Amino acid sequence: MLQGALAGLAAGGLYAVLAVCLTLMSRLVRVVNFAQAATGMFGSYVAVWFVSDLGAPVWLAAIVGILVGGGLSALIGWIVAIWLSEADTSTRSAVTVGPFLLLISLSFILFGNKPQPFQPILAGPAFTLGGVVISQVTLVTVALAIAVAVACRIVLVKTSVGTKLRALSERPTTAELIGIPAKSLSVAVWALTGVVSTLVITIVAPSQSNDAIALSMLIVPAAAAALLGGFRRLDLAVVGGLVLGILQGTVAQIDQLSFIRYFLPFLFIVGLLLWLQRKEVWDAAR
């Protein structure tokens, strides 16, 4: 059981990083970015192509793929910032479904519909805990989730850029009127989250199911994790991702319940939504 729980931490770290990115997007640019994982998937596929077809070193291909993922995310953000600057959160979020589907289709056209031959950036064990081997991938993804959340918190609270970003998220029109470069900051947030998403997917994909749909659908457990913090709290987004990964790893060790691990993110979302709406439900019942 412990082995399964610790094995699930690698996926949990991935969910946590993506959940932090979703939370940042929701807080700062008023978007739930359904294409968050798809841009990371496409960037990581470009990295694989650089290695397999062009013979580039893994580290160079990874850098190119990360830049592509960040650039794609920035492009989507630029379109949203230019043409949907006054739209509400629901509309801006719904628009990201288009890039989500487009990137999956484009990956099928360019790279085929089979899992890609990822070369691992990290491989081997990091250390042993209670007789269970903790891989380097697990250690790095969990550390990355915590580091990104802490770094974003520090930037938002302690820096002038953070003050501008918070003003942009709370009073976008007023922020633009007083001279804050709203569009540039918005695109920068999109680009940053695209870079981080591509980085973590590139690290974890060799040890996960890595076809285009599976990687793009990582948005579901990531959204479940972000929902724990109401798409506002970075710390709870990290906790939600790690808990979900541990639960999936634990359930996978029980033969009779192993199939449930595929539905856990959906159950997680439904349970959280019911809990968040408990007051209204109880009031209506009374």
C-alpha atoms as a PDB file:
ATOM      1  CA  MET A   1       0.000   0.000   0.000  1.00  0.00           C
ATOM      2  CA  LEU A   2       2.807   2.409   0.892  1.00  0.00           C
ATOM      3  CA  GLN A   3       4.555   1.561  -2.355  1.00  0.00           C
ATOM      4  CA  GLY A   4       1.431   2.429  -4.350  1.00  0.00           C
ATOM      5  CA  ALA A   5       0.901   5.685  -2.484  1.00  0.00           C
ATOM      6  CA  LEU A   6       4.489   6.801  -3.030  1.00  0.00           C
ATOM      7  CA  ALA A   7       4.386   5.679  -6.660  1.00  0.00           C
ATOM      8  CA  GLY A   8       1.342   7.911  -7.132  1.00  0.00           C
ATOM      9  CA  LEU A   9       3.353  10.933  -6.009  1.00  0.00           C
ATOM     10  CA  ALA A  10       4.939  11.281  -9.464  1.00  0.00           C
ATOM     11  CA  ALA A  11       1.515  11.747 -11.045  1.00  0.00           C
ATOM     12  CA  GLY A  12       0.463  13.812  -8.019  1.00  0.00           C
ATOM     13  CA  GLY A  13       3.366  16.199  -8.548  1.00  0.00           C
ATOM     14  CA  LEU A  14       2.352  16.561 -12.193  1.00  0.00           C
ATOM     15  CA  TYR A  15      -1.261  17.282 -11.220  1.00  0.00           C
ATOM     16  CA  ALA A  16      -0.075  19.771  -8.606  1.00  0.00           C
ATOM     17  CA  VAL A  17       2.092  21.749 -11.041  1.00  0.00           C
ATOM     18  CA  LEU A  18      -0.703  21.926 -13.609  1.00  0.00           C
ATOM     19  CA  ALA A  19      -3.179  22.868 -10.861  1.00  0.00           C
ATOM     20  CA  VAL A  20      -0.915  25.740  -9.779  1.00  0.00           C
ATOM     21  CA  CYS A  21      -0.822  26.934 -13.402  1.00  0.00           C
ATOM     22  CA  LEU A  22      -4.623  26.748 -13.631  1.00  0.00           C
ATOM     23  CA  THR A  23      -4.961  28.648 -10.360  1.00  0.00           C
ATOM     24  CA  LEU A  24      -2.613  31.389 -11.561  1.00  0.00           C
ATOM     25  CA  MET A  25      -4.538  31.698 -14.805  1.00  0.00           C
ATOM     26  CA  SER A  26      -7.855  31.911 -12.976  1.00  0.00           C
ATOM     27  CA  ARG A  27      -6.611  34.466 -10.446  1.00  0.00           C
ATOM     28  CA  LEU A  28      -4.598  36.701 -12.732  1.00  0.00           C
ATOM     29  CA  VAL A  29      -6.195  36.608 -16.190  1.00  0.00           C
ATOM     30  CA  ARG A  30      -9.696  35.310 -15.389  1.00  0.00           C
ATOM     31  CA  VAL A  31      -9.406  32.138 -17.480  1.00  0.00           C
ATOM     32  CA  VAL A  32      -9.745  28.443 -16.704  1.00  0.00           C
ATOM     33  CA  ASN A  33      -7.371  27.311 -19.447  1.00  0.00           C
ATOM     34  CA  PHE A  34      -8.635  23.989 -20.791  1.00  0.00           C
ATOM     35  CA  ALA A  35      -5.688  23.958 -23.236  1.00  0.00           C
ATOM     36  CA  GLN A  36      -3.120  24.071 -20.404  1.00  0.00           C
ATOM     37  CA  ALA A  37      -2.037  20.446 -20.741  1.00  0.00           C
ATOM     38  CA  ALA A  38      -2.529  20.382 -24.533  1.00  0.00           C
ATOM     39  CA  THR A  39       0.074  23.103 -25.089  1.00  0.00           C
ATOM     40  CA  GLY A  40       2.455  21.144 -22.859  1.00  0.00           C
ATOM     41  CA  MET A  41       1.711  17.977 -24.798  1.00  0.00           C
ATOM     42  CA  PHE A  42       2.427  19.639 -28.146  1.00  0.00           C
ATOM     43  CA  GLY A  43       5.648  21.215 -26.920  1.00  0.00           C
ATOM     44  CA  SER A  44       6.857  17.875 -25.558  1.00  0.00           C
ATOM     45  CA  TYR A  45       5.984  16.177 -28.876  1.00  0.00           C
ATOM     46  CA  VAL A  46       8.117  18.753 -30.693  1.00  0.00           C
ATOM     47  CA  ALA A  47      10.968  17.835 -28.339  1.00  0.00           C
ATOM     48  CA  VAL A  48      10.539  14.146 -29.198  1.00  0.00           C
ATOM     49  CA  TRP A  49      10.585  14.974 -32.915  1.00  0.00           C
ATOM     50  CA  PHE A  50      13.834  16.915 -32.502  1.00  0.00           C
ATOM     51  CA  VAL A  51      15.443  13.870 -30.886  1.00  0.00           C
ATOM     52  CA  SER A  52      14.039  11.094 -33.072  1.00  0.00           C
ATOM     53  CA  ASP A  53      14.085  12.809 -36.478  1.00  0.00           C
ATOM     54  CA  LEU A  54      16.818  15.420 -36.213  1.00  0.00           C
ATOM     55  CA  GLY A  55      19.119  13.613 -33.787  1.00  0.00           C
ATOM     56  CA  ALA A  56      19.302  16.577 -31.423  1.00  0.00           C
ATOM     57  CA  PRO A  57      20.545  16.070 -27.847  1.00  0.00           C
ATOM     58  CA  VAL A  58      17.771  15.444 -25.336  1.00  0.00           C
ATOM     59  CA  TRP A  59      18.535  18.580 -23.339  1.00  0.00           C
ATOM     60  CA  LEU A  60      18.446  20.814 -26.444  1.00  0.00           C
ATOM     61  CA  ALA A  61      15.229  19.221 -27.692  1.00  0.00           C
ATOM     62  CA  ALA A  62      13.651  19.719 -24.274  1.00  0.00           C
ATOM     63  CA  ILE A  63      14.528  23.427 -24.312  1.00  0.00           C
ATOM     64  CA  VAL A  64      13.067  23.838 -27.817  1.00  0.00           C
ATOM     65  CA  GLY A  65       9.898  21.977 -26.822  1.00  0.00           C
ATOM     66  CA  ILE A  66       9.471  24.077 -23.681  1.00  0.00           C
ATOM     67  CA  LEU A  67       9.849  27.279 -25.718  1.00  0.00           C
ATOM     68  CA  VAL A  68       7.297  26.009 -28.248  1.00  0.00           C
ATOM     69  CA  GLY A  69       4.817  25.195 -25.470  1.00  0.00           C
ATOM     70  CA  GLY A  70       5.321  28.608 -23.907  1.00  0.00           C
ATOM     71  CA  GLY A  71       5.001  30.307 -27.288  1.00  0.00           C
ATOM     72  CA  LEU A  72       1.755  28.508 -28.124  1.00  0.00           C
ATOM     73  CA  SER A  73       0.314  29.442 -24.751  1.00  0.00           C
ATOM     74  CA  ALA A  74       1.404  33.075 -25.251  1.00  0.00           C
ATOM     75  CA  LEU A  75      -0.243  33.111 -28.688  1.00  0.00           C
ATOM     76  CA  ILE A  76      -3.550  31.913 -27.231  1.00  0.00           C
ATOM     77  CA  GLY A  77      -3.214  34.502 -24.465  1.00  0.00           C
ATOM     78  CA  TRP A  78      -2.530  37.270 -26.980  1.00  0.00           C
ATOM     79  CA  ILE A  79      -5.679  36.360 -28.936  1.00  0.00           C
ATOM     80  CA  VAL A  80      -7.746  36.353 -25.748  1.00  0.00           C
ATOM     81  CA  ALA A  81      -6.232  39.633 -24.531  1.00  0.00           C
ATOM     82  CA  ILE A  82      -6.868  41.399 -27.862  1.00  0.00           C
ATOM     83  CA  TRP A  83     -10.314  40.161 -28.806  1.00  0.00           C
ATOM     84  CA  LEU A  84     -11.840  39.097 -25.488  1.00  0.00           C
ATOM     85  CA  SER A  85     -10.470  41.673 -23.068  1.00  0.00           C
ATOM     86  CA  GLU A  86     -13.947  42.661 -21.871  1.00  0.00           C
ATOM     87  CA  ALA A  87     -15.476  39.171 -21.906  1.00  0.00           C
ATOM     88  CA  ASP A  88     -16.434  37.423 -18.696  1.00  0.00           C
ATOM     89  CA  THR A  89     -14.550  34.466 -17.232  1.00  0.00           C
ATOM     90  CA  SER A  90     -16.933  31.865 -18.626  1.00  0.00           C
ATOM     91  CA  THR A  91     -16.570  33.129 -22.189  1.00  0.00           C
ATOM     92  CA  ARG A  92     -12.798  33.471 -21.983  1.00  0.00           C
ATOM     93  CA  SER A  93     -12.524  29.959 -20.548  1.00  0.00           C
ATOM     94  CA  ALA A  94     -14.832  28.426 -23.153  1.00  0.00           C
ATOM     95  CA  VAL A  95     -12.660  29.818 -25.948  1.00  0.00           C
ATOM     96  CA  THR A  96      -9.703  27.684 -24.768  1.00  0.00           C
ATOM     97  CA  VAL A  97     -11.597  24.517 -25.715  1.00  0.00           C
ATOM     98  CA  GLY A  98     -10.863  25.413 -29.357  1.00  0.00           C
ATOM     99  CA  PRO A  99      -7.044  25.335 -28.967  1.00  0.00           C
ATOM    100  CA  PHE A 100      -7.401  22.172 -26.854  1.00  0.00           C
ATOM    101  CA  LEU A 101      -9.067  20.320 -29.740  1.00  0.00           C
ATOM    102  CA  LEU A 102      -6.908  21.995 -32.392  1.00  0.00           C
ATOM    103  CA  LEU A 103      -3.630  20.965 -30.751  1.00  0.00           C
ATOM    104  CA  ILE A 104      -4.773  17.352 -30.375  1.00  0.00           C
ATOM    105  CA  SER A 105      -5.794  17.228 -34.049  1.00  0.00           C
ATOM    106  CA  LEU A 106      -2.583  18.924 -35.163  1.00  0.00           C
ATOM    107  CA  SER A 107      -0.494  16.460 -33.155  1.00  0.00           C
ATOM    108  CA  PHE A 108      -2.259  13.567 -34.923  1.00  0.00           C
ATOM    109  CA  ILE A 109      -1.501  15.143 -38.320  1.00  0.00           C
ATOM    110  CA  LEU A 110       2.141  15.944 -37.611  1.00  0.00           C
ATOM    111  CA  PHE A 111       3.212  13.142 -35.267  1.00  0.00           C
ATOM    112  CA  GLY A 112       0.651  10.352 -35.709  1.00  0.00           C
ATOM    113  CA  ASN A 113      -1.814   8.996 -33.186  1.00  0.00           C
ATOM    114  CA  LYS A 114       0.500   6.587 -31.364  1.00  0.00           C
ATOM    115  CA  PRO A 115       2.404   7.204 -28.121  1.00  0.00           C
ATOM    116  CA  GLN A 116       5.706   8.966 -28.750  1.00  0.00           C
ATOM    117  CA  PRO A 117       9.167   7.496 -27.989  1.00  0.00           C
ATOM    118  CA  PHE A 118      10.090   9.911 -25.197  1.00  0.00           C
ATOM    119  CA  GLN A 119      13.695   9.909 -24.017  1.00  0.00           C
ATOM    120  CA  PRO A 120      13.682  10.363 -20.230  1.00  0.00           C
ATOM    121  CA  ILE A 121      15.286  13.537 -18.953  1.00  0.00           C
ATOM    122  CA  LEU A 122      15.448  12.032 -15.477  1.00  0.00           C
ATOM    123  CA  ALA A 123      15.816   8.334 -14.731  1.00  0.00           C
ATOM    124  CA  GLY A 124      16.644   6.082 -11.828  1.00  0.00           C
ATOM    125  CA  PRO A 125      16.012   6.227  -8.092  1.00  0.00           C
ATOM    126  CA  ALA A 126      16.596   9.271  -5.910  1.00  0.00           C
ATOM    127  CA  PHE A 127      16.508   7.519  -2.518  1.00  0.00           C
ATOM    128  CA  THR A 128      14.729   4.758  -0.599  1.00  0.00           C
ATOM    129  CA  LEU A 129      12.020   5.389   2.005  1.00  0.00           C
ATOM    130  CA  GLY A 130      10.752   2.508   4.150  1.00  0.00           C
ATOM    131  CA  GLY A 131      12.018   0.011   1.620  1.00  0.00           C
ATOM    132  CA  VAL A 132      10.242   1.835  -1.221  1.00  0.00           C
ATOM    133  CA  VAL A 133      12.305   3.442  -3.975  1.00  0.00           C
ATOM    134  CA  ILE A 134      11.510   7.090  -4.687  1.00  0.00           C
ATOM    135  CA  SER A 135      12.356   7.966  -8.271  1.00  0.00           C
ATOM    136  CA  GLN A 136      14.046  11.136  -9.433  1.00  0.00           C
ATOM    137  CA  VAL A 137      10.910  12.000 -11.416  1.00  0.00           C
ATOM    138  CA  THR A 138       8.791  11.823  -8.261  1.00  0.00           C
ATOM    139  CA  LEU A 139      11.198  13.955  -6.271  1.00  0.00           C
ATOM    140  CA  VAL A 140      11.542  16.606  -8.980  1.00  0.00           C
ATOM    141  CA  THR A 141       7.820  16.920  -9.770  1.00  0.00           C
ATOM    142  CA  VAL A 142       6.829  17.292  -6.115  1.00  0.00           C
ATOM    143  CA  ALA A 143       9.652  19.768  -5.496  1.00  0.00           C
ATOM    144  CA  LEU A 144       8.719  21.682  -8.662  1.00  0.00           C
ATOM    145  CA  ALA A 145       5.076  21.957  -7.584  1.00  0.00           C
ATOM    146  CA  ILE A 146       6.041  23.367  -4.198  1.00  0.00           C
ATOM    147  CA  ALA A 147       8.733  25.655  -5.659  1.00  0.00           C
ATOM    148  CA  VAL A 148       6.416  27.117  -8.311  1.00  0.00           C
ATOM    149  CA  ALA A 149       3.652  27.752  -5.777  1.00  0.00           C
ATOM    150  CA  VAL A 150       6.037  29.403  -3.289  1.00  0.00           C
ATOM    151  CA  ALA A 151       7.774  31.476  -5.983  1.00  0.00           C
ATOM    152  CA  CYS A 152       4.452  32.715  -7.363  1.00  0.00           C
ATOM    153  CA  ARG A 153       3.268  33.592  -3.871  1.00  0.00           C
ATOM    154  CA  ILE A 154       6.429  35.611  -3.209  1.00  0.00           C
ATOM    155  CA  VAL A 155       6.183  37.435  -6.548  1.00  0.00           C
ATOM    156  CA  LEU A 156       2.512  38.286  -6.053  1.00  0.00           C
ATOM    157  CA  VAL A 157       2.957  39.566  -2.494  1.00  0.00           C
ATOM    158  CA  LYS A 158       6.465  41.019  -2.397  1.00  0.00           C
ATOM    159  CA  THR A 159       7.127  42.591  -5.801  1.00  0.00           C
ATOM    160  CA  SER A 160       5.822  45.518  -7.824  1.00  0.00           C
ATOM    161  CA  VAL A 161       5.051  43.158 -10.699  1.00  0.00           C
ATOM    162  CA  GLY A 162       2.899  41.131  -8.302  1.00  0.00           C
ATOM    163  CA  THR A 163       1.046  44.264  -7.240  1.00  0.00           C
ATOM    164  CA  LYS A 164       0.316  45.082 -10.888  1.00  0.00           C
ATOM    165  CA  LEU A 165      -0.836  41.529 -11.548  1.00  0.00           C
ATOM    166  CA  ARG A 166      -3.184  41.604  -8.558  1.00  0.00           C
ATOM    167  CA  ALA A 167      -4.557  44.952  -9.696  1.00  0.00           C
ATOM    168  CA  LEU A 168      -5.036  43.511 -13.159  1.00  0.00           C
ATOM    169  CA  SER A 169      -6.948  40.519 -11.795  1.00  0.00           C
ATOM    170  CA  GLU A 170      -9.189  42.521  -9.456  1.00  0.00           C
ATOM    171  CA  ARG A 171      -9.799  45.706 -11.477  1.00  0.00           C
ATOM    172  CA  PRO A 172      -8.644  45.076 -15.073  1.00  0.00           C
ATOM    173  CA  THR A 173     -10.203  48.184 -16.610  1.00  0.00           C
ATOM    174  CA  THR A 174      -9.008  50.480 -13.818  1.00  0.00           C
ATOM    175  CA  ALA A 175      -5.530  48.934 -13.952  1.00  0.00           C
ATOM    176  CA  GLU A 176      -5.275  49.662 -17.665  1.00  0.00           C
ATOM    177  CA  LEU A 177      -6.513  53.239 -17.201  1.00  0.00           C
ATOM    178  CA  ILE A 178      -3.764  54.030 -14.682  1.00  0.00           C
ATOM    179  CA  GLY A 179      -1.072  52.818 -17.040  1.00  0.00           C
ATOM    180  CA  ILE A 180      -0.532  49.168 -16.129  1.00  0.00           C
ATOM    181  CA  PRO A 181       0.326  47.240 -19.340  1.00  0.00           C
ATOM    182  CA  ALA A 182      -2.575  44.819 -19.024  1.00  0.00           C
ATOM    183  CA  LYS A 183      -2.165  42.979 -22.327  1.00  0.00           C
ATOM    184  CA  SER A 184       1.599  42.494 -21.927  1.00  0.00           C
ATOM    185  CA  LEU A 185       1.243  41.172 -18.387  1.00  0.00           C
ATOM    186  CA  SER A 186      -1.602  38.871 -19.400  1.00  0.00           C
ATOM    187  CA  VAL A 187       0.412  37.378 -22.262  1.00  0.00           C
ATOM    188  CA  ALA A 188       3.395  36.970 -19.915  1.00  0.00           C
ATOM    189  CA  VAL A 189       1.239  34.953 -17.485  1.00  0.00           C
ATOM    190  CA  TRP A 190       0.048  32.744 -20.354  1.00  0.00           C
ATOM    191  CA  ALA A 191       3.635  32.236 -21.549  1.00  0.00           C
ATOM    192  CA  LEU A 192       4.946  31.411 -18.062  1.00  0.00           C
ATOM    193  CA  THR A 193       2.263  28.822 -17.352  1.00  0.00           C
ATOM    194  CA  GLY A 194       2.847  27.317 -20.811  1.00  0.00           C
ATOM    195  CA  VAL A 195       6.564  26.957 -20.110  1.00  0.00           C
ATOM    196  CA  VAL A 196       5.970  25.350 -16.709  1.00  0.00           C
ATOM    197  CA  SER A 197       3.309  22.971 -18.062  1.00  0.00           C
ATOM    198  CA  THR A 198       5.531  21.832 -20.931  1.00  0.00           C
ATOM    199  CA  LEU A 199       8.492  21.355 -18.598  1.00  0.00           C
ATOM    200  CA  VAL A 200       6.643  19.098 -16.170  1.00  0.00           C
ATOM    201  CA  ILE A 201       4.921  17.093 -18.926  1.00  0.00           C
ATOM    202  CA  THR A 202       8.270  16.569 -20.678  1.00  0.00           C
ATOM    203  CA  ILE A 203       9.724  15.237 -17.420  1.00  0.00           C
ATOM    204  CA  VAL A 204       6.848  12.909 -16.543  1.00  0.00           C
ATOM    205  CA  ALA A 205       5.652  11.740 -19.989  1.00  0.00           C
ATOM    206  CA  PRO A 206       8.256   8.950 -20.391  1.00  0.00           C
ATOM    207  CA  SER A 207       6.820   7.209 -17.325  1.00  0.00           C
ATOM    208  CA  GLN A 208       3.136   7.870 -18.105  1.00  0.00           C
ATOM    209  CA  SER A 209       0.685   7.038 -20.853  1.00  0.00           C
ATOM    210  CA  ASN A 210       1.942   9.560 -23.390  1.00  0.00           C
ATOM    211  CA  ASP A 211      -0.423   9.593 -26.346  1.00  0.00           C
ATOM    212  CA  ALA A 212      -1.801  13.027 -27.265  1.00  0.00           C
ATOM    213  CA  ILE A 213      -5.255  12.525 -25.777  1.00  0.00           C
ATOM    214  CA  ALA A 214      -3.988  11.086 -22.485  1.00  0.00           C
ATOM    215  CA  LEU A 215      -1.536  13.957 -21.987  1.00  0.00           C
ATOM    216  CA  SER A 216      -4.082  16.611 -22.977  1.00  0.00           C
ATOM    217  CA  MET A 217      -6.689  15.109 -20.656  1.00  0.00           C
ATOM    218  CA  LEU A 218      -4.374  15.691 -17.698  1.00  0.00           C
ATOM    219  CA  ILE A 219      -6.385  18.901 -17.492  1.00  0.00           C
ATOM    220  CA  VAL A 220      -9.116  16.910 -15.688  1.00  0.00           C
ATOM    221  CA  PRO A 221      -7.142  15.812 -12.589  1.00  0.00           C
ATOM    222  CA  ALA A 222      -5.367  19.189 -12.619  1.00  0.00           C
ATOM    223  CA  ALA A 223      -8.726  20.984 -12.536  1.00  0.00           C
ATOM    224  CA  ALA A 224      -9.868  18.680  -9.735  1.00  0.00           C
ATOM    225  CA  ALA A 225      -6.783  19.632  -7.722  1.00  0.00           C
ATOM    226  CA  ALA A 226      -7.224  23.352  -8.434  1.00  0.00           C
ATOM    227  CA  LEU A 227     -10.867  23.114  -7.395  1.00  0.00           C
ATOM    228  CA  LEU A 228      -9.796  22.190  -3.866  1.00  0.00           C
ATOM    229  CA  GLY A 229      -8.521  25.753  -3.515  1.00  0.00           C
ATOM    230  CA  GLY A 230     -11.409  27.231  -5.459  1.00  0.00           C
ATOM    231  CA  PHE A 231      -8.992  28.173  -8.266  1.00  0.00           C
ATOM    232  CA  ARG A 232      -7.675  30.849  -5.869  1.00  0.00           C
ATOM    233  CA  ARG A 233      -5.280  29.232  -3.385  1.00  0.00           C
ATOM    234  CA  LEU A 234      -1.944  27.946  -4.616  1.00  0.00           C
ATOM    235  CA  ASP A 235      -1.196  25.911  -1.494  1.00  0.00           C
ATOM    236  CA  LEU A 236      -4.438  23.954  -1.700  1.00  0.00           C
ATOM    237  CA  ALA A 237      -3.863  23.360  -5.413  1.00  0.00           C
ATOM    238  CA  VAL A 238      -0.574  21.646  -4.533  1.00  0.00           C
ATOM    239  CA  VAL A 239      -2.210  19.642  -1.749  1.00  0.00           C
ATOM    240  CA  GLY A 240      -5.069  18.629  -4.040  1.00  0.00           C
ATOM    241  CA  GLY A 241      -2.701  17.370  -6.738  1.00  0.00           C
ATOM    242  CA  LEU A 242      -0.562  15.358  -4.333  1.00  0.00           C
ATOM    243  CA  VAL A 243      -3.576  13.863  -2.541  1.00  0.00           C
ATOM    244  CA  LEU A 244      -5.189  12.868  -5.820  1.00  0.00           C
ATOM    245  CA  GLY A 245      -1.980  11.221  -7.020  1.00  0.00           C
ATOM    246  CA  ILE A 246      -1.560   9.320  -3.744  1.00  0.00           C
ATOM    247  CA  LEU A 247      -5.179   8.137  -3.876  1.00  0.00           C
ATOM    248  CA  GLN A 248      -4.761   6.896  -7.440  1.00  0.00           C
ATOM    249  CA  GLY A 249      -1.548   5.080  -6.567  1.00  0.00           C
ATOM    250  CA  THR A 250      -3.126   3.474  -3.509  1.00  0.00           C
ATOM    251  CA  VAL A 251      -6.278   2.350  -5.309  1.00  0.00           C
ATOM    252  CA  ALA A 252      -4.186   0.907  -8.158  1.00  0.00           C
ATOM    253  CA  GLN A 253      -2.686  -1.580  -5.669  1.00  0.00           C
ATOM    254  CA  ILE A 254      -6.110  -3.058  -4.836  1.00  0.00           C
ATOM    255  CA  ASP A 255      -7.158  -5.450  -7.576  1.00  0.00           C
ATOM    256  CA  GLN A 256     -10.885  -5.151  -6.902  1.00  0.00           C
ATOM    257  CA  LEU A 257     -10.768  -1.337  -6.976  1.00  0.00           C
ATOM    258  CA  SER A 258      -7.957  -0.628  -9.432  1.00  0.00           C
ATOM    259  CA  PHE A 259     -10.353   0.418 -12.214  1.00  0.00           C
ATOM    260  CA  ILE A 260     -11.691   3.213  -9.996  1.00  0.00           C
ATOM    261  CA  ARG A 261      -8.421   5.140 -10.313  1.00  0.00           C
ATOM    262  CA  TYR A 262      -9.516   6.314 -13.770  1.00  0.00           C
ATOM    263  CA  PHE A 263     -12.666   7.866 -12.310  1.00  0.00           C
ATOM    264  CA  LEU A 264     -11.115   9.384  -9.192  1.00  0.00           C
ATOM    265  CA  PRO A 265     -10.625  12.882 -10.695  1.00  0.00           C
ATOM    266  CA  PHE A 266     -14.303  13.023 -11.670  1.00  0.00           C
ATOM    267  CA  LEU A 267     -15.396  11.755  -8.248  1.00  0.00           C
ATOM    268  CA  PHE A 268     -13.032  14.301  -6.686  1.00  0.00           C
ATOM    269  CA  ILE A 269     -14.664  17.115  -8.682  1.00  0.00           C
ATOM    270  CA  VAL A 270     -18.223  16.006  -7.925  1.00  0.00           C
ATOM    271  CA  GLY A 271     -17.454  15.610  -4.216  1.00  0.00           C
ATOM    272  CA  LEU A 272     -15.838  19.045  -3.993  1.00  0.00           C
ATOM    273  CA  LEU A 273     -18.678  20.717  -5.882  1.00  0.00           C
ATOM    274  CA  LEU A 274     -21.247  19.131  -3.589  1.00  0.00           C
ATOM    275  CA  TRP A 275     -19.246  20.206  -0.550  1.00  0.00           C
ATOM    276  CA  LEU A 276     -18.839  23.772  -1.824  1.00  0.00           C
ATOM    277  CA  GLN A 277     -22.577  23.982  -2.494  1.00  0.00           C
ATOM    278  CA  ARG A 278     -23.570  22.335   0.800  1.00  0.00           C
ATOM    279  CA  LYS A 279     -25.010  25.517   2.355  1.00  0.00           C
ATOM    280  CA  GLU A 280     -27.343  26.160  -0.585  1.00  0.00           C
ATOM    281  CA  VAL A 281     -28.413  22.498  -0.656  1.00  0.00           C
ATOM    282  CA  TRP A 282     -29.088  22.399   3.084  1.00  0.00           C
ATOM    283  CA  ASP A 283     -30.943  25.700   2.977  1.00  0.00           C
ATOM    284  CA  ALA A 284     -33.130  24.410   0.150  1.00  0.00           C
ATOM    285  CA  ALA A 285     -33.772  21.166   2.066  1.00  0.00           C
ATOM    286  CA  ARG A 286     -34.952  23.143   5.078  1.00  0.00           C
END
